[in-house]
Amino acid sequence: TAFGPLIELIGTKSTYAFAIAFWSVAAMSHALAQSLFGWGAARVALG
């Protein structure tokens, strides 16, 4: 629900680049998770 307005605000190309960069860092952040909270936070970021 949040990405629709973001696309309209900053444009499709910038939004897609942001989404891909964000989910890539989020995927890598799982390697730092040591607890249930850490895994939950990494999964929230990935989602």
PDB file of all heavy atoms in Angstrom:
ATOM      1  N   THR A   1       0.818  -1.217   0.000  1.00  0.00           N
ATOM      2  CA  THR A   1       0.000   0.000   0.000  1.00  0.00           C
ATOM      3  C   THR A   1       0.851   1.265   0.000  1.00  0.00           C
ATOM      4  O   THR A   1       0.409   2.301  -0.470  1.00  0.00           O
ATOM      5  CB  THR A   1      -0.956   0.030   1.211  1.00  0.00           C
ATOM      6  OG1 THR A   1      -0.188   0.034   2.408  1.00  0.00           O
ATOM      7  CG2 THR A   1      -1.888  -1.169   1.208  1.00  0.00           C
ATOM      8  N   ALA A   2       2.058   1.185   0.517  1.00  0.00           N
ATOM      9  CA  ALA A   2       2.921   2.362   0.600  1.00  0.00           C
ATOM     10  C   ALA A   2       3.650   2.661  -0.708  1.00  0.00           C
ATOM     11  O   ALA A   2       3.989   3.819  -0.971  1.00  0.00           O
ATOM     12  CB  ALA A   2       3.935   2.184   1.731  1.00  0.00           C
ATOM     13  N   PHE A   3       3.907   1.642  -1.514  1.00  0.00           N
ATOM     14  CA  PHE A   3       4.704   1.875  -2.710  1.00  0.00           C
ATOM     15  C   PHE A   3       3.966   2.644  -3.798  1.00  0.00           C
ATOM     16  O   PHE A   3       4.596   3.369  -4.573  1.00  0.00           O
ATOM     17  CB  PHE A   3       5.283   0.573  -3.256  1.00  0.00           C
ATOM     18  CG  PHE A   3       6.659   0.284  -2.726  1.00  0.00           C
ATOM     19  CD1 PHE A   3       6.833  -0.576  -1.652  1.00  0.00           C
ATOM     20  CD2 PHE A   3       7.772   0.899  -3.259  1.00  0.00           C
ATOM     21  CE1 PHE A   3       8.096  -0.829  -1.138  1.00  0.00           C
ATOM     22  CE2 PHE A   3       9.039   0.663  -2.755  1.00  0.00           C
ATOM     23  CZ  PHE A   3       9.193  -0.200  -1.697  1.00  0.00           C
ATOM     24  N   GLY A   4       2.657   2.516  -3.878  1.00  0.00           N
ATOM     25  CA  GLY A   4       1.910   3.283  -4.889  1.00  0.00           C
ATOM     26  C   GLY A   4       2.138   4.776  -4.756  1.00  0.00           C
ATOM     27  O   GLY A   4       2.566   5.442  -5.720  1.00  0.00           O
ATOM     28  N   PRO A   5       1.879   5.341  -3.582  1.00  0.00           N
ATOM     29  CA  PRO A   5       2.136   6.777  -3.407  1.00  0.00           C
ATOM     30  C   PRO A   5       3.612   7.146  -3.585  1.00  0.00           C
ATOM     31  O   PRO A   5       3.921   8.230  -4.089  1.00  0.00           O
ATOM     32  CB  PRO A   5       1.671   7.049  -1.970  1.00  0.00           C
ATOM     33  CG  PRO A   5       0.696   5.964  -1.664  1.00  0.00           C
ATOM     34  CD  PRO A   5       1.166   4.768  -2.426  1.00  0.00           C
ATOM     35  N   LEU A   6       4.516   6.254  -3.183  1.00  0.00           N
ATOM     36  CA  LEU A   6       5.946   6.538  -3.349  1.00  0.00           C
ATOM     37  C   LEU A   6       6.310   6.637  -4.828  1.00  0.00           C
ATOM     38  O   LEU A   6       7.086   7.517  -5.227  1.00  0.00           O
ATOM     39  CB  LEU A   6       6.788   5.468  -2.654  1.00  0.00           C
ATOM     40  CG  LEU A   6       8.295   5.725  -2.602  1.00  0.00           C
ATOM     41  CD1 LEU A   6       8.606   7.010  -1.849  1.00  0.00           C
ATOM     42  CD2 LEU A   6       9.004   4.539  -1.955  1.00  0.00           C
ATOM     43  N   ILE A   7       5.748   5.771  -5.641  1.00  0.00           N
ATOM     44  CA  ILE A   7       5.985   5.822  -7.094  1.00  0.00           C
ATOM     45  C   ILE A   7       5.534   7.168  -7.638  1.00  0.00           C
ATOM     46  O   ILE A   7       6.244   7.797  -8.436  1.00  0.00           O
ATOM     47  CB  ILE A   7       5.259   4.669  -7.822  1.00  0.00           C
ATOM     48  CG1 ILE A   7       5.867   3.320  -7.432  1.00  0.00           C
ATOM     49  CG2 ILE A   7       5.294   4.865  -9.337  1.00  0.00           C
ATOM     50  CD1 ILE A   7       5.023   2.118  -7.842  1.00  0.00           C
ATOM     51  N   GLU A   8       4.359   7.607  -7.217  1.00  0.00           N
ATOM     52  CA  GLU A   8       3.834   8.888  -7.710  1.00  0.00           C
ATOM     53  C   GLU A   8       4.672  10.062  -7.211  1.00  0.00           C
ATOM     54  O   GLU A   8       4.803  11.064  -7.899  1.00  0.00           O
ATOM     55  CB  GLU A   8       2.366   9.062  -7.291  1.00  0.00           C
ATOM     56  CG  GLU A   8       1.441   7.984  -7.828  1.00  0.00           C
ATOM     57  CD  GLU A   8       1.494   7.816  -9.346  1.00  0.00           C
ATOM     58  OE1 GLU A   8       1.624   8.829 -10.075  1.00  0.00           O
ATOM     59  OE2 GLU A   8       1.413   6.662  -9.805  1.00  0.00           O
ATOM     60  N   LEU A   9       5.257   9.922  -6.039  1.00  0.00           N
ATOM     61  CA  LEU A   9       6.041  11.003  -5.446  1.00  0.00           C
ATOM     62  C   LEU A   9       7.430  11.130  -6.066  1.00  0.00           C
ATOM     63  O   LEU A   9       7.848  12.238  -6.442  1.00  0.00           O
ATOM     64  CB  LEU A   9       6.176  10.775  -3.930  1.00  0.00           C
ATOM     65  CG  LEU A   9       6.902  11.846  -3.138  1.00  0.00           C
ATOM     66  CD1 LEU A   9       6.106  13.149  -3.150  1.00  0.00           C
ATOM     67  CD2 LEU A   9       7.127  11.371  -1.710  1.00  0.00           C
ATOM     68  N   ILE A  10       8.174  10.017  -6.196  1.00  0.00           N
ATOM     69  CA  ILE A  10       9.568  10.120  -6.660  1.00  0.00           C
ATOM     70  C   ILE A  10       9.812   9.487  -8.028  1.00  0.00           C
ATOM     71  O   ILE A  10      10.922   9.547  -8.535  1.00  0.00           O
ATOM     72  CB  ILE A  10      10.554   9.539  -5.626  1.00  0.00           C
ATOM     73  CG1 ILE A  10      10.398   8.029  -5.457  1.00  0.00           C
ATOM     74  CG2 ILE A  10      10.423  10.245  -4.295  1.00  0.00           C
ATOM     75  CD1 ILE A  10      11.479   7.386  -4.593  1.00  0.00           C
ATOM     76  N   GLY A  11       8.803   8.865  -8.598  1.00  0.00           N
ATOM     77  CA  GLY A  11       8.948   8.298  -9.937  1.00  0.00           C
ATOM     78  C   GLY A  11       9.206   6.797  -9.907  1.00  0.00           C
ATOM     79  O   GLY A  11       9.687   6.246  -8.910  1.00  0.00           O
ATOM     80  N   THR A  12       8.902   6.176 -11.015  1.00  0.00           N
ATOM     81  CA  THR A  12       8.988   4.717 -11.120  1.00  0.00           C
ATOM     82  C   THR A  12      10.425   4.220 -11.028  1.00  0.00           C
ATOM     83  O   THR A  12      10.733   3.302 -10.268  1.00  0.00           O
ATOM     84  CB  THR A  12       8.364   4.249 -12.444  1.00  0.00           C
ATOM     85  OG1 THR A  12       7.061   4.823 -12.565  1.00  0.00           O
ATOM     86  CG2 THR A  12       8.246   2.738 -12.494  1.00  0.00           C
ATOM     87  N   LYS A  13      11.316   4.825 -11.796  1.00  0.00           N
ATOM     88  CA  LYS A  13      12.705   4.359 -11.825  1.00  0.00           C
ATOM     89  C   LYS A  13      13.374   4.498 -10.467  1.00  0.00           C
ATOM     90  O   LYS A  13      14.024   3.568  -9.985  1.00  0.00           O
ATOM     91  CB  LYS A  13      13.488   5.123 -12.895  1.00  0.00           C
ATOM     92  CG  LYS A  13      14.858   4.551 -13.149  1.00  0.00           C
ATOM     93  CD  LYS A  13      15.673   5.183 -14.281  1.00  0.00           C
ATOM     94  CE  LYS A  13      15.180   6.402 -14.914  1.00  0.00           C
ATOM     95  NZ  LYS A  13      16.100   6.990 -15.897  1.00  0.00           N
ATOM     96  N   SER A  14      13.202   5.621  -9.822  1.00  0.00           N
ATOM     97  CA  SER A  14      13.809   5.840  -8.500  1.00  0.00           C
ATOM     98  C   SER A  14      13.207   4.904  -7.456  1.00  0.00           C
ATOM     99  O   SER A  14      13.923   4.361  -6.605  1.00  0.00           O
ATOM    100  CB  SER A  14      13.615   7.286  -8.057  1.00  0.00           C
ATOM    101  OG  SER A  14      14.298   8.157  -8.929  1.00  0.00           O
ATOM    102  N   THR A  15      11.898   4.704  -7.534  1.00  0.00           N
ATOM    103  CA  THR A  15      11.244   3.823  -6.572  1.00  0.00           C
ATOM    104  C   THR A  15      11.709   2.380  -6.751  1.00  0.00           C
ATOM    105  O   THR A  15      11.983   1.684  -5.767  1.00  0.00           O
ATOM    106  CB  THR A  15       9.713   3.903  -6.713  1.00  0.00           C
ATOM    107  OG1 THR A  15       9.296   5.255  -6.532  1.00  0.00           O
ATOM    108  CG2 THR A  15       9.015   3.017  -5.686  1.00  0.00           C
ATOM    109  N   TYR A  16      11.823   1.935  -7.995  1.00  0.00           N
ATOM    110  CA  TYR A  16      12.254   0.554  -8.238  1.00  0.00           C
ATOM    111  C   TYR A  16      13.706   0.353  -7.799  1.00  0.00           C
ATOM    112  O   TYR A  16      14.045  -0.654  -7.169  1.00  0.00           O
ATOM    113  CB  TYR A  16      12.084   0.191  -9.710  1.00  0.00           C
ATOM    114  CG  TYR A  16      11.749  -1.264  -9.949  1.00  0.00           C
ATOM    115  CD1 TYR A  16      11.505  -2.163  -8.921  1.00  0.00           C
ATOM    116  CD2 TYR A  16      11.667  -1.749 -11.244  1.00  0.00           C
ATOM    117  CE1 TYR A  16      11.191  -3.479  -9.153  1.00  0.00           C
ATOM    118  CE2 TYR A  16      11.349  -3.067 -11.495  1.00  0.00           C
ATOM    119  CZ  TYR A  16      11.109  -3.932 -10.448  1.00  0.00           C
ATOM    120  OH  TYR A  16      10.801  -5.236 -10.696  1.00  0.00           O
ATOM    121  N   ALA A  17      14.539   1.323  -8.095  1.00  0.00           N
ATOM    122  CA  ALA A  17      15.939   1.239  -7.652  1.00  0.00           C
ATOM    123  C   ALA A  17      16.009   1.193  -6.124  1.00  0.00           C
ATOM    124  O   ALA A  17      16.763   0.389  -5.551  1.00  0.00           O
ATOM    125  CB  ALA A  17      16.737   2.420  -8.188  1.00  0.00           C
ATOM    126  N   PHE A  18      15.220   2.016  -5.465  1.00  0.00           N
ATOM    127  CA  PHE A  18      15.177   2.017  -4.005  1.00  0.00           C
ATOM    128  C   PHE A  18      14.697   0.661  -3.476  1.00  0.00           C
ATOM    129  O   PHE A  18      15.302   0.094  -2.565  1.00  0.00           O
ATOM    130  CB  PHE A  18      14.257   3.138  -3.498  1.00  0.00           C
ATOM    131  CG  PHE A  18      13.954   3.044  -2.038  1.00  0.00           C
ATOM    132  CD1 PHE A  18      14.899   3.423  -1.088  1.00  0.00           C
ATOM    133  CD2 PHE A  18      12.725   2.566  -1.601  1.00  0.00           C
ATOM    134  CE1 PHE A  18      14.625   3.320   0.261  1.00  0.00           C
ATOM    135  CE2 PHE A  18      12.440   2.465  -0.246  1.00  0.00           C
ATOM    136  CZ  PHE A  18      13.390   2.844   0.688  1.00  0.00           C
ATOM    137  N   ALA A  19      13.631   0.135  -4.055  1.00  0.00           N
ATOM    138  CA  ALA A  19      13.076  -1.151  -3.591  1.00  0.00           C
ATOM    139  C   ALA A  19      14.097  -2.273  -3.744  1.00  0.00           C
ATOM    140  O   ALA A  19      14.302  -3.067  -2.819  1.00  0.00           O
ATOM    141  CB  ALA A  19      11.793  -1.478  -4.356  1.00  0.00           C
ATOM    142  N   ILE A  20      14.745  -2.334  -4.894  1.00  0.00           N
ATOM    143  CA  ILE A  20      15.722  -3.401  -5.140  1.00  0.00           C
ATOM    144  C   ILE A  20      16.916  -3.271  -4.190  1.00  0.00           C
ATOM    145  O   ILE A  20      17.371  -4.255  -3.607  1.00  0.00           O
ATOM    146  CB  ILE A  20      16.161  -3.423  -6.610  1.00  0.00           C
ATOM    147  CG1 ILE A  20      14.991  -3.893  -7.494  1.00  0.00           C
ATOM    148  CG2 ILE A  20      17.372  -4.326  -6.811  1.00  0.00           C
ATOM    149  CD1 ILE A  20      15.229  -3.743  -8.981  1.00  0.00           C
ATOM    150  N   ALA A  21      17.414  -2.061  -4.023  1.00  0.00           N
ATOM    151  CA  ALA A  21      18.540  -1.852  -3.103  1.00  0.00           C
ATOM    152  C   ALA A  21      18.130  -2.200  -1.674  1.00  0.00           C
ATOM    153  O   ALA A  21      18.870  -2.872  -0.943  1.00  0.00           O
ATOM    154  CB  ALA A  21      19.034  -0.407  -3.184  1.00  0.00           C
ATOM    155  N   PHE A  22      16.935  -1.785  -1.273  1.00  0.00           N
ATOM    156  CA  PHE A  22      16.459  -2.034   0.084  1.00  0.00           C
ATOM    157  C   PHE A  22      16.287  -3.531   0.340  1.00  0.00           C
ATOM    158  O   PHE A  22      16.739  -4.050   1.357  1.00  0.00           O
ATOM    159  CB  PHE A  22      15.135  -1.290   0.317  1.00  0.00           C
ATOM    160  CG  PHE A  22      14.720  -1.237   1.754  1.00  0.00           C
ATOM    161  CD1 PHE A  22      15.150  -0.207   2.567  1.00  0.00           C
ATOM    162  CD2 PHE A  22      13.898  -2.214   2.297  1.00  0.00           C
ATOM    163  CE1 PHE A  22      14.779  -0.154   3.903  1.00  0.00           C
ATOM    164  CE2 PHE A  22      13.521  -2.175   3.625  1.00  0.00           C
ATOM    165  CZ  PHE A  22      13.954  -1.134   4.437  1.00  0.00           C
ATOM    166  N   TRP A  23      15.650  -4.242  -0.607  1.00  0.00           N
ATOM    167  CA  TRP A  23      15.440  -5.672  -0.354  1.00  0.00           C
ATOM    168  C   TRP A  23      16.750  -6.437  -0.442  1.00  0.00           C
ATOM    169  O   TRP A  23      16.914  -7.457   0.226  1.00  0.00           O
ATOM    170  CB  TRP A  23      14.313  -6.253  -1.186  1.00  0.00           C
ATOM    171  CG  TRP A  23      14.594  -6.944  -2.484  1.00  0.00           C
ATOM    172  CD1 TRP A  23      15.465  -7.982  -2.714  1.00  0.00           C
ATOM    173  CD2 TRP A  23      13.958  -6.701  -3.733  1.00  0.00           C
ATOM    174  NE1 TRP A  23      15.406  -8.369  -4.025  1.00  0.00           N
ATOM    175  CE2 TRP A  23      14.492  -7.605  -4.668  1.00  0.00           C
ATOM    176  CE3 TRP A  23      12.983  -5.809  -4.161  1.00  0.00           C
ATOM    177  CZ2 TRP A  23      14.085  -7.644  -5.997  1.00  0.00           C
ATOM    178  CZ3 TRP A  23      12.580  -5.856  -5.475  1.00  0.00           C
ATOM    179  CH2 TRP A  23      13.131  -6.752  -6.377  1.00  0.00           C
ATOM    180  N   SER A  24      17.705  -5.958  -1.207  1.00  0.00           N
ATOM    181  CA  SER A  24      19.017  -6.623  -1.263  1.00  0.00           C
ATOM    182  C   SER A  24      19.758  -6.493   0.059  1.00  0.00           C
ATOM    183  O   SER A  24      20.306  -7.469   0.572  1.00  0.00           O
ATOM    184  CB  SER A  24      19.857  -6.030  -2.392  1.00  0.00           C
ATOM    185  OG  SER A  24      19.241  -6.275  -3.641  1.00  0.00           O
ATOM    186  N   VAL A  25      19.764  -5.296   0.627  1.00  0.00           N
ATOM    187  CA  VAL A  25      20.401  -5.096   1.934  1.00  0.00           C
ATOM    188  C   VAL A  25      19.645  -5.880   3.007  1.00  0.00           C
ATOM    189  O   VAL A  25      20.256  -6.503   3.884  1.00  0.00           O
ATOM    190  CB  VAL A  25      20.480  -3.591   2.279  1.00  0.00           C
ATOM    191  CG1 VAL A  25      20.926  -3.366   3.717  1.00  0.00           C
ATOM    192  CG2 VAL A  25      21.416  -2.876   1.310  1.00  0.00           C
ATOM    193  N   ALA A  26      18.324  -5.890   2.910  1.00  0.00           N
ATOM    194  CA  ALA A  26      17.516  -6.646   3.878  1.00  0.00           C
ATOM    195  C   ALA A  26      17.827  -8.134   3.800  1.00  0.00           C
ATOM    196  O   ALA A  26      17.940  -8.802   4.835  1.00  0.00           O
ATOM    197  CB  ALA A  26      16.033  -6.395   3.632  1.00  0.00           C
ATOM    198  N   ALA A  27      17.989  -8.651   2.599  1.00  0.00           N
ATOM    199  CA  ALA A  27      18.329 -10.073   2.451  1.00  0.00           C
ATOM    200  C   ALA A  27      19.683 -10.367   3.086  1.00  0.00           C
ATOM    201  O   ALA A  27      19.851 -11.375   3.778  1.00  0.00           O
ATOM    202  CB  ALA A  27      18.326 -10.465   0.977  1.00  0.00           C
ATOM    203  N   MET A  28      20.634  -9.486   2.881  1.00  0.00           N
ATOM    204  CA  MET A  28      21.961  -9.677   3.482  1.00  0.00           C
ATOM    205  C   MET A  28      21.927  -9.536   4.999  1.00  0.00           C
ATOM    206  O   MET A  28      22.713 -10.166   5.699  1.00  0.00           O
ATOM    207  CB  MET A  28      22.961  -8.687   2.878  1.00  0.00           C
ATOM    208  CG  MET A  28      23.292  -8.976   1.426  1.00  0.00           C
ATOM    209  SD  MET A  28      24.539  -7.857   0.757  1.00  0.00           S
ATOM    210  CE  MET A  28      23.584  -6.381   0.458  1.00  0.00           C
ATOM    211  N   SER A  29      20.992  -8.734   5.511  1.00  0.00           N
ATOM    212  CA  SER A  29      20.934  -8.490   6.955  1.00  0.00           C
ATOM    213  C   SER A  29      20.589  -9.751   7.742  1.00  0.00           C
ATOM    214  O   SER A  29      20.851  -9.809   8.946  1.00  0.00           O
ATOM    215  CB  SER A  29      19.925  -7.382   7.279  1.00  0.00           C
ATOM    216  OG  SER A  29      18.594  -7.849   7.166  1.00  0.00           O
ATOM    217  N   HIS A  30      20.041 -10.753   7.097  1.00  0.00           N
ATOM    218  CA  HIS A  30      19.734 -12.006   7.797  1.00  0.00           C
ATOM    219  C   HIS A  30      20.999 -12.642   8.387  1.00  0.00           C
ATOM    220  O   HIS A  30      20.938 -13.324   9.402  1.00  0.00           O
ATOM    221  CB  HIS A  30      19.046 -12.995   6.852  1.00  0.00           C
ATOM    222  CG  HIS A  30      17.637 -12.618   6.515  1.00  0.00           C
ATOM    223  ND1 HIS A  30      17.329 -11.571   5.686  1.00  0.00           N
ATOM    224  CD2 HIS A  30      16.463 -13.159   6.897  1.00  0.00           C
ATOM    225  CE1 HIS A  30      16.021 -11.473   5.570  1.00  0.00           C
ATOM    226  NE2 HIS A  30      15.460 -12.435   6.305  1.00  0.00           N
ATOM    227  N   ALA A  31      22.126 -12.411   7.753  1.00  0.00           N
ATOM    228  CA  ALA A  31      23.390 -12.983   8.245  1.00  0.00           C
ATOM    229  C   ALA A  31      23.790 -12.386   9.598  1.00  0.00           C
ATOM    230  O   ALA A  31      24.577 -12.982  10.324  1.00  0.00           O
ATOM    231  CB  ALA A  31      24.510 -12.763   7.229  1.00  0.00           C
ATOM    232  N   LEU A  32      23.233 -11.229   9.935  1.00  0.00           N
ATOM    233  CA  LEU A  32      23.545 -10.588  11.222  1.00  0.00           C
ATOM    234  C   LEU A  32      22.604 -11.034  12.334  1.00  0.00           C
ATOM    235  O   LEU A  32      22.879 -10.786  13.506  1.00  0.00           O
ATOM    236  CB  LEU A  32      23.468  -9.069  11.074  1.00  0.00           C
ATOM    237  CG  LEU A  32      24.370  -8.440  10.014  1.00  0.00           C
ATOM    238  CD1 LEU A  32      24.078  -6.947   9.880  1.00  0.00           C
ATOM    239  CD2 LEU A  32      25.828  -8.685  10.338  1.00  0.00           C
ATOM    240  N   ALA A  33      21.502 -11.664  11.969  1.00  0.00           N
ATOM    241  CA  ALA A  33      20.486 -12.032  12.959  1.00  0.00           C
ATOM    242  C   ALA A  33      20.993 -13.124  13.892  1.00  0.00           C
ATOM    243  O   ALA A  33      21.517 -14.140  13.452  1.00  0.00           O
ATOM    244  CB  ALA A  33      19.226 -12.499  12.243  1.00  0.00           C
ATOM    245  N   GLN A  34      20.847 -12.878  15.174  1.00  0.00           N
ATOM    246  CA  GLN A  34      21.269 -13.840  16.194  1.00  0.00           C
ATOM    247  C   GLN A  34      20.121 -14.252  17.112  1.00  0.00           C
ATOM    248  O   GLN A  34      20.285 -15.146  17.925  1.00  0.00           O
ATOM    249  CB  GLN A  34      22.395 -13.236  17.047  1.00  0.00           C
ATOM    250  CG  GLN A  34      23.644 -12.910  16.259  1.00  0.00           C
ATOM    251  CD  GLN A  34      24.304 -14.151  15.674  1.00  0.00           C
ATOM    252  OE1 GLN A  34      24.388 -15.180  16.327  1.00  0.00           O
ATOM    253  NE2 GLN A  34      24.750 -14.061  14.435  1.00  0.00           N
ATOM    254  N   SER A  35      18.995 -13.567  17.009  1.00  0.00           N
ATOM    255  CA  SER A  35      17.871 -13.823  17.906  1.00  0.00           C
ATOM    256  C   SER A  35      16.578 -13.826  17.106  1.00  0.00           C
ATOM    257  O   SER A  35      16.553 -13.448  15.927  1.00  0.00           O
ATOM    258  CB  SER A  35      17.793 -12.729  18.975  1.00  0.00           C
ATOM    259  OG  SER A  35      17.501 -11.480  18.359  1.00  0.00           O
ATOM    260  N   LEU A  36      15.501 -14.205  17.772  1.00  0.00           N
ATOM    261  CA  LEU A  36      14.185 -14.167  17.137  1.00  0.00           C
ATOM    262  C   LEU A  36      13.856 -12.743  16.716  1.00  0.00           C
ATOM    263  O   LEU A  36      13.348 -12.509  15.615  1.00  0.00           O
ATOM    264  CB  LEU A  36      13.130 -14.718  18.098  1.00  0.00           C
ATOM    265  CG  LEU A  36      11.725 -14.892  17.538  1.00  0.00           C
ATOM    266  CD1 LEU A  36      11.715 -15.919  16.414  1.00  0.00           C
ATOM    267  CD2 LEU A  36      10.764 -15.296  18.639  1.00  0.00           C
ATOM    268  N   PHE A  37      14.178 -11.773  17.578  1.00  0.00           N
ATOM    269  CA  PHE A  37      13.941 -10.372  17.244  1.00  0.00           C
ATOM    270  C   PHE A  37      14.740  -9.963  16.005  1.00  0.00           C
ATOM    271  O   PHE A  37      14.228  -9.287  15.115  1.00  0.00           O
ATOM    272  CB  PHE A  37      14.294  -9.451  18.417  1.00  0.00           C
ATOM    273  CG  PHE A  37      14.112  -7.999  18.097  1.00  0.00           C
ATOM    274  CD1 PHE A  37      12.860  -7.420  18.156  1.00  0.00           C
ATOM    275  CD2 PHE A  37      15.196  -7.218  17.700  1.00  0.00           C
ATOM    276  CE1 PHE A  37      12.679  -6.072  17.835  1.00  0.00           C
ATOM    277  CE2 PHE A  37      15.025  -5.885  17.377  1.00  0.00           C
ATOM    278  CZ  PHE A  37      13.764  -5.309  17.445  1.00  0.00           C
ATOM    279  N   GLY A  38      16.005 -10.364  15.943  1.00  0.00           N
ATOM    280  CA  GLY A  38      16.846 -10.040  14.787  1.00  0.00           C
ATOM    281  C   GLY A  38      16.298 -10.623  13.498  1.00  0.00           C
ATOM    282  O   GLY A  38      16.281  -9.954  12.465  1.00  0.00           O
ATOM    283  N   TRP A  39      15.856 -11.876  13.572  1.00  0.00           N
ATOM    284  CA  TRP A  39      15.260 -12.504  12.391  1.00  0.00           C
ATOM    285  C   TRP A  39      13.958 -11.813  12.010  1.00  0.00           C
ATOM    286  O   TRP A  39      13.689 -11.589  10.829  1.00  0.00           O
ATOM    287  CB  TRP A  39      15.040 -13.994  12.627  1.00  0.00           C
ATOM    288  CG  TRP A  39      16.268 -14.776  12.352  1.00  0.00           C
ATOM    289  CD1 TRP A  39      17.256 -15.105  13.239  1.00  0.00           C
ATOM    290  CD2 TRP A  39      16.670 -15.298  11.095  1.00  0.00           C
ATOM    291  NE1 TRP A  39      18.239 -15.803  12.598  1.00  0.00           N
ATOM    292  CE2 TRP A  39      17.900 -15.944  11.281  1.00  0.00           C
ATOM    293  CE3 TRP A  39      16.113 -15.289   9.826  1.00  0.00           C
ATOM    294  CZ2 TRP A  39      18.580 -16.565  10.242  1.00  0.00           C
ATOM    295  CZ3 TRP A  39      16.783 -15.910   8.792  1.00  0.00           C
ATOM    296  CH2 TRP A  39      18.006 -16.535   9.008  1.00  0.00           C
ATOM    297  N   GLY A  40      13.154 -11.462  13.012  1.00  0.00           N
ATOM    298  CA  GLY A  40      11.915 -10.749  12.727  1.00  0.00           C
ATOM    299  C   GLY A  40      12.170  -9.414  12.059  1.00  0.00           C
ATOM    300  O   GLY A  40      11.505  -9.040  11.093  1.00  0.00           O
ATOM    301  N   ALA A  41      13.169  -8.692  12.548  1.00  0.00           N
ATOM    302  CA  ALA A  41      13.514  -7.389  11.964  1.00  0.00           C
ATOM    303  C   ALA A  41      14.011  -7.547  10.526  1.00  0.00           C
ATOM    304  O   ALA A  41      13.635  -6.765   9.641  1.00  0.00           O
ATOM    305  CB  ALA A  41      14.572  -6.693  12.823  1.00  0.00           C
ATOM    306  N   ALA A  42      14.833  -8.561  10.284  1.00  0.00           N
ATOM    307  CA  ALA A  42      15.322  -8.801   8.922  1.00  0.00           C
ATOM    308  C   ALA A  42      14.175  -9.153   7.987  1.00  0.00           C
ATOM    309  O   ALA A  42      14.143  -8.711   6.834  1.00  0.00           O
ATOM    310  CB  ALA A  42      16.371  -9.917   8.932  1.00  0.00           C
ATOM    311  N   ARG A  43      13.214  -9.938   8.484  1.00  0.00           N
ATOM    312  CA  ARG A  43      12.063 -10.321   7.660  1.00  0.00           C
ATOM    313  C   ARG A  43      11.140  -9.134   7.407  1.00  0.00           C
ATOM    314  O   ARG A  43      10.563  -9.012   6.326  1.00  0.00           O
ATOM    315  CB  ARG A  43      11.292 -11.478   8.294  1.00  0.00           C
ATOM    316  CG  ARG A  43      12.069 -12.768   8.409  1.00  0.00           C
ATOM    317  CD  ARG A  43      12.696 -13.228   7.121  1.00  0.00           C
ATOM    318  NE  ARG A  43      11.719 -13.810   6.216  1.00  0.00           N
ATOM    319  CZ  ARG A  43      12.007 -14.306   5.027  1.00  0.00           C
ATOM    320  NH1 ARG A  43      13.245 -14.307   4.589  1.00  0.00           N
ATOM    321  NH2 ARG A  43      11.074 -14.798   4.257  1.00  0.00           N
ATOM    322  N   VAL A  44      10.983  -8.247   8.394  1.00  0.00           N
ATOM    323  CA  VAL A  44      10.190  -7.034   8.176  1.00  0.00           C
ATOM    324  C   VAL A  44      10.842  -6.203   7.070  1.00  0.00           C
ATOM    325  O   VAL A  44      10.177  -5.737   6.140  1.00  0.00           O
ATOM    326  CB  VAL A  44      10.049  -6.211   9.482  1.00  0.00           C
ATOM    327  CG1 VAL A  44       9.568  -4.793   9.193  1.00  0.00           C
ATOM    328  CG2 VAL A  44       9.100  -6.904  10.443  1.00  0.00           C
ATOM    329  N   ALA A  45      12.137  -6.013   7.163  1.00  0.00           N
ATOM    330  CA  ALA A  45      12.844  -5.229   6.145  1.00  0.00           C
ATOM    331  C   ALA A  45      12.706  -5.876   4.773  1.00  0.00           C
ATOM    332  O   ALA A  45      12.456  -5.187   3.772  1.00  0.00           O
ATOM    333  CB  ALA A  45      14.314  -5.071   6.528  1.00  0.00           C
ATOM    334  N   LEU A  46      12.858  -7.202   4.709  1.00  0.00           N
ATOM    335  CA  LEU A  46      12.726  -7.885   3.424  1.00  0.00           C
ATOM    336  C   LEU A  46      11.312  -7.734   2.870  1.00  0.00           C
ATOM    337  O   LEU A  46      11.131  -7.464   1.677  1.00  0.00           O
ATOM    338  CB  LEU A  46      13.085  -9.367   3.568  1.00  0.00           C
ATOM    339  CG  LEU A  46      13.168 -10.157   2.265  1.00  0.00           C
ATOM    340  CD1 LEU A  46      14.317  -9.656   1.385  1.00  0.00           C
ATOM    341  CD2 LEU A  46      13.340 -11.648   2.560  1.00  0.00           C
ATOM    342  N   GLY A  47      10.320  -7.882   3.724  1.00  0.00           N
ATOM    343  CA  GLY A  47       8.934  -7.721   3.279  1.00  0.00           C
ATOM    344  C   GLY A  47       8.654  -6.326   2.755  1.00  0.00           C
ATOM    345  O   GLY A  47       7.990  -6.148   1.729  1.00  0.00           O
TER     346      GLY A  47
END
